[in-house]
Amino acid sequence: MVRKTLVFLLKLLLFIILGFLLGLIAGAYIGGNFLTSFEFNGVRGYEATGQIGAFAGAVLSPVLGYYFTRKRRKKRVHHGT
């Protein structure tokens, strides 16, 4: 039981870190190329959209990861493997 909880928490942390990094890169790309005059939190351009992307990625990636792993787990249990 403790091992499953620890593995779950490590997977959750991995999803948060990966989502943060991917959101940061995507946000910086969008802000640097398309929203150069966008302002947020005292910064503008790629820095502003990078912050928003990093936050969105860190919040959404563990939610999506949990959803997809539960969906996969249900399929595996349903088929009996």
C-alpha atoms as a PDB file:
ATOM      1  CA  MET A   1       0.000   0.000   0.000  1.00  0.00           C
ATOM      2  CA  VAL A   2       2.784   2.429   0.889  1.00  0.00           C
ATOM      3  CA  ARG A   3       4.688   1.507  -2.253  1.00  0.00           C
ATOM      4  CA  LYS A   4       1.662   2.192  -4.478  1.00  0.00           C
ATOM      5  CA  THR A   5       1.155   5.562  -2.818  1.00  0.00           C
ATOM      6  CA  LEU A   6       4.806   6.472  -3.260  1.00  0.00           C
ATOM      7  CA  VAL A   7       4.760   5.455  -6.936  1.00  0.00           C
ATOM      8  CA  PHE A   8       1.583   7.464  -7.452  1.00  0.00           C
ATOM      9  CA  LEU A   9       3.142  10.566  -5.861  1.00  0.00           C
ATOM     10  CA  LEU A  10       6.306  10.209  -7.928  1.00  0.00           C
ATOM     11  CA  LYS A  11       4.258   9.909 -11.124  1.00  0.00           C
ATOM     12  CA  LEU A  12       2.257  12.958 -10.103  1.00  0.00           C
ATOM     13  CA  LEU A  13       5.439  14.942  -9.497  1.00  0.00           C
ATOM     14  CA  LEU A  14       6.821  13.834 -12.862  1.00  0.00           C
ATOM     15  CA  PHE A  15       3.635  14.969 -14.618  1.00  0.00           C
ATOM     16  CA  ILE A  16       3.800  18.343 -12.850  1.00  0.00           C
ATOM     17  CA  ILE A  17       7.433  18.921 -13.830  1.00  0.00           C
ATOM     18  CA  LEU A  18       6.936  17.841 -17.448  1.00  0.00           C
ATOM     19  CA  GLY A  19       3.764  19.903 -17.765  1.00  0.00           C
ATOM     20  CA  PHE A  20       5.512  22.908 -16.273  1.00  0.00           C
ATOM     21  CA  LEU A  21       8.405  22.666 -18.729  1.00  0.00           C
ATOM     22  CA  LEU A  22       6.253  21.999 -21.791  1.00  0.00           C
ATOM     23  CA  GLY A  23       3.862  24.806 -20.841  1.00  0.00           C
ATOM     24  CA  LEU A  24       6.758  27.182 -20.291  1.00  0.00           C
ATOM     25  CA  ILE A  25       8.270  26.395 -23.691  1.00  0.00           C
ATOM     26  CA  ALA A  26       4.932  26.573 -25.517  1.00  0.00           C
ATOM     27  CA  GLY A  27       3.978  29.812 -23.774  1.00  0.00           C
ATOM     28  CA  ALA A  28       7.327  31.411 -24.499  1.00  0.00           C
ATOM     29  CA  TYR A  29       7.072  30.372 -28.145  1.00  0.00           C
ATOM     30  CA  ILE A  30       3.592  31.854 -28.500  1.00  0.00           C
ATOM     31  CA  GLY A  31       4.537  35.069 -26.690  1.00  0.00           C
ATOM     32  CA  GLY A  32       7.768  35.513 -28.585  1.00  0.00           C
ATOM     33  CA  ASN A  33       6.196  35.087 -31.993  1.00  0.00           C
ATOM     34  CA  PHE A  34       2.582  36.187 -31.758  1.00  0.00           C
ATOM     35  CA  LEU A  35       1.839  38.111 -28.542  1.00  0.00           C
ATOM     36  CA  THR A  36       4.845  40.381 -28.238  1.00  0.00           C
ATOM     37  CA  SER A  37       2.897  43.213 -26.612  1.00  0.00           C
ATOM     38  CA  PHE A  38       0.978  41.019 -24.122  1.00  0.00           C
ATOM     39  CA  GLU A  39       1.567  42.048 -20.491  1.00  0.00           C
ATOM     40  CA  PHE A  40       1.104  39.930 -17.376  1.00  0.00           C
ATOM     41  CA  ASN A  41       2.550  40.106 -13.873  1.00  0.00           C
ATOM     42  CA  GLY A  42       4.842  43.014 -14.666  1.00  0.00           C
ATOM     43  CA  VAL A  43       6.510  41.434 -17.710  1.00  0.00           C
ATOM     44  CA  ARG A  44       5.647  41.359 -21.372  1.00  0.00           C
ATOM     45  CA  GLY A  45       5.958  39.165 -24.426  1.00  0.00           C
ATOM     46  CA  TYR A  46       7.463  35.711 -24.133  1.00  0.00           C
ATOM     47  CA  GLU A  47       8.139  36.105 -20.404  1.00  0.00           C
ATOM     48  CA  ALA A  48       4.471  36.816 -19.663  1.00  0.00           C
ATOM     49  CA  THR A  49       3.030  34.028 -21.777  1.00  0.00           C
ATOM     50  CA  GLY A  50       5.733  31.661 -20.542  1.00  0.00           C
ATOM     51  CA  GLN A  51       4.541  32.199 -16.966  1.00  0.00           C
ATOM     52  CA  ILE A  52       0.947  31.520 -17.953  1.00  0.00           C
ATOM     53  CA  GLY A  53       1.938  28.426 -19.934  1.00  0.00           C
ATOM     54  CA  ALA A  54       4.051  27.081 -17.081  1.00  0.00           C
ATOM     55  CA  PHE A  55       1.211  27.517 -14.596  1.00  0.00           C
ATOM     56  CA  ALA A  56      -1.364  25.991 -16.932  1.00  0.00           C
ATOM     57  CA  GLY A  57       0.913  23.058 -17.742  1.00  0.00           C
ATOM     58  CA  ALA A  58       1.702  22.387 -14.087  1.00  0.00           C
ATOM     59  CA  VAL A  59      -1.999  22.375 -13.202  1.00  0.00           C
ATOM     60  CA  LEU A  60      -3.442  20.531 -16.197  1.00  0.00           C
ATOM     61  CA  SER A  61      -0.827  17.827 -16.790  1.00  0.00           C
ATOM     62  CA  PRO A  62      -1.342  15.901 -13.518  1.00  0.00           C
ATOM     63  CA  VAL A  63      -5.111  16.072 -14.011  1.00  0.00           C
ATOM     64  CA  LEU A  64      -4.824  14.694 -17.537  1.00  0.00           C
ATOM     65  CA  GLY A  65      -2.245  12.123 -16.459  1.00  0.00           C
ATOM     66  CA  TYR A  66      -4.503  10.883 -13.682  1.00  0.00           C
ATOM     67  CA  TYR A  67      -7.451  10.700 -16.067  1.00  0.00           C
ATOM     68  CA  PHE A  68      -5.538   8.707 -18.692  1.00  0.00           C
ATOM     69  CA  THR A  69      -3.930   6.315 -16.212  1.00  0.00           C
ATOM     70  CA  ARG A  70      -7.302   5.599 -14.579  1.00  0.00           C
ATOM     71  CA  LYS A  71      -8.871   5.047 -17.968  1.00  0.00           C
ATOM     72  CA  ARG A  72      -6.075   2.659 -18.935  1.00  0.00           C
ATOM     73  CA  ARG A  73      -6.290   0.858 -15.581  1.00  0.00           C
ATOM     74  CA  LYS A  74     -10.044   0.350 -16.030  1.00  0.00           C
ATOM     75  CA  LYS A  75      -9.488  -1.130 -19.490  1.00  0.00           C
ATOM     76  CA  ARG A  76      -6.845  -3.490 -18.150  1.00  0.00           C
ATOM     77  CA  VAL A  77      -9.083  -4.677 -15.322  1.00  0.00           C
ATOM     78  CA  HIS A  78     -12.062  -4.995 -17.647  1.00  0.00           C
ATOM     79  CA  HIS A  79     -10.185  -7.292 -20.061  1.00  0.00           C
ATOM     80  CA  GLY A  80      -8.758  -9.360 -17.257  1.00  0.00           C
ATOM     81  CA  THR A  81      -5.064  -8.807 -17.974  1.00  0.00           C
END
